[in-house]
Amino acid sequence: MKLLPTEMCLTGKWLLKDGRVVADEVCVRIEGLTRNHLRELGHDASGWDALFVDQNDGRLSQLVSPESGLHGGGAPQLRHLASAQAKEKYGSIVPGSD
């Protein structure tokens, strides 16, 4: 499934199931979107946050780990990022930032 225009932020969660930590359905969806639908443009200076562009509408989204204190950075979050914010954070990798 593609990223819907109304979806501004998808936040995954890690769940404890049968004594193991597993990704919820939102984590699985984020992984599918970033692998199959969105195109990665690059990372910020920290190397942790990644910027993606929706190949259908040009919308920018960033993949972050809001619980960075957890192992592996915690569950993922994919959130819309306005072009001006993207240029400020990601610089020249943003389309049209010449």
Protein backbone atom coordinates (compact mmCIF):
# COMPACT_ATOMS: atom_id res chain seq x y z
CA MET A 1 0.00 0.00 0.00
CA LYS A 2 1.18 3.50 -0.81
CA LEU A 3 1.52 6.35 1.65
CA LEU A 4 -1.83 8.15 1.76
CA PRO A 5 -1.87 11.96 1.37
CA THR A 6 -3.63 12.26 4.73
CA GLU A 7 -0.92 10.30 6.57
CA MET A 8 1.40 12.80 8.18
CA CYS A 9 3.06 10.57 10.78
CA LEU A 10 3.30 6.80 11.22
CA THR A 11 4.77 5.65 14.53
CA GLY A 12 5.64 2.03 15.09
CA LYS A 13 5.79 0.23 18.42
CA TRP A 14 7.68 -2.75 19.71
CA LEU A 15 5.48 -5.27 21.47
CA LEU A 16 6.31 -8.05 23.89
CA LYS A 17 4.86 -11.30 22.58
CA ASP A 18 5.67 -14.71 24.05
CA GLY A 19 8.70 -13.28 25.81
CA ARG A 20 10.11 -11.69 22.62
CA VAL A 21 10.08 -8.15 21.29
CA VAL A 22 8.30 -7.95 17.93
CA ALA A 23 7.44 -5.13 15.55
CA ASP A 24 3.81 -4.05 15.32
CA GLU A 25 1.91 -3.70 12.03
CA VAL A 26 2.91 -0.02 11.70
CA CYS A 27 6.62 -0.95 11.88
CA VAL A 28 6.03 -3.54 9.18
CA ARG A 29 4.19 -0.96 7.04
CA ILE A 30 6.98 1.60 7.45
CA GLU A 31 9.53 -0.99 6.38
CA GLY A 32 7.46 -1.86 3.32
CA LEU A 33 7.04 1.79 2.36
CA THR A 34 10.74 2.59 2.69
CA ARG A 35 11.79 -0.53 0.79
CA ASN A 36 9.22 -0.58 -2.00
CA HIS A 37 7.49 2.76 -2.45
CA LEU A 38 9.58 5.65 -1.17
CA ARG A 39 13.03 6.51 -2.58
CA GLU A 40 15.79 7.26 -0.09
CA LEU A 41 17.61 10.54 -0.75
CA GLY A 42 20.18 10.31 2.05
CA HIS A 43 20.86 10.90 5.74
CA ASP A 44 21.32 13.89 8.00
CA ALA A 45 24.68 14.78 9.54
CA SER A 46 24.15 12.36 12.44
CA GLY A 47 23.68 9.44 10.06
CA TRP A 48 20.58 8.27 11.95
CA ASP A 49 17.72 10.15 10.29
CA ALA A 50 16.94 9.43 6.64
CA LEU A 51 15.05 11.49 4.09
CA PHE A 52 12.72 9.86 1.56
CA VAL A 53 10.67 11.15 -1.36
CA ASP A 54 7.32 9.73 -2.44
CA GLN A 55 7.77 8.82 -6.09
CA ASN A 56 4.09 9.52 -6.83
CA ASP A 57 3.61 13.01 -5.42
CA GLY A 58 7.10 14.28 -4.47
CA ARG A 59 6.20 14.56 -0.78
CA LEU A 60 9.15 14.34 1.60
CA SER A 61 9.20 12.11 4.67
CA GLN A 62 11.87 11.41 7.21
CA LEU A 63 12.53 8.14 8.96
CA VAL A 64 13.54 8.69 12.58
CA SER A 65 13.89 6.72 15.79
CA PRO A 66 12.10 8.78 18.45
CA GLU A 67 13.19 6.40 21.23
CA SER A 68 16.87 6.61 20.41
CA GLY A 69 17.84 5.47 23.90
CA LEU A 70 16.55 1.97 23.17
CA HIS A 71 18.61 -0.75 21.51
CA GLY A 72 18.76 -0.15 17.76
CA GLY A 73 17.14 3.26 18.14
CA GLY A 74 13.72 1.96 19.06
CA ALA A 75 10.73 1.55 16.80
CA PRO A 76 10.66 3.63 13.60
CA GLN A 77 8.64 6.72 12.85
CA LEU A 78 7.97 8.01 9.35
CA ARG A 79 6.75 11.60 9.26
CA HIS A 80 6.04 14.20 6.62
CA LEU A 81 8.61 16.98 6.37
CA ALA A 82 8.00 20.31 4.64
CA SER A 83 10.52 21.24 1.97
CA ALA A 84 11.95 24.17 3.98
CA GLN A 85 12.46 21.95 7.03
CA ALA A 86 14.07 19.28 4.87
CA LYS A 87 16.47 21.78 3.30
CA GLU A 88 17.47 23.06 6.74
CA LYS A 89 18.16 19.58 8.10
CA TYR A 90 19.35 17.65 5.03
CA GLY A 91 20.84 20.39 2.84
CA SER A 92 21.68 19.71 -0.78
CA ILE A 93 20.14 16.22 -0.98
CA VAL A 94 16.68 17.84 -1.02
CA PRO A 95 15.29 18.14 -4.57
CA GLY A 96 15.29 21.77 -5.75
CA SER A 97 17.75 22.99 -3.09
CA ASP A 98 20.33 24.27 -5.58
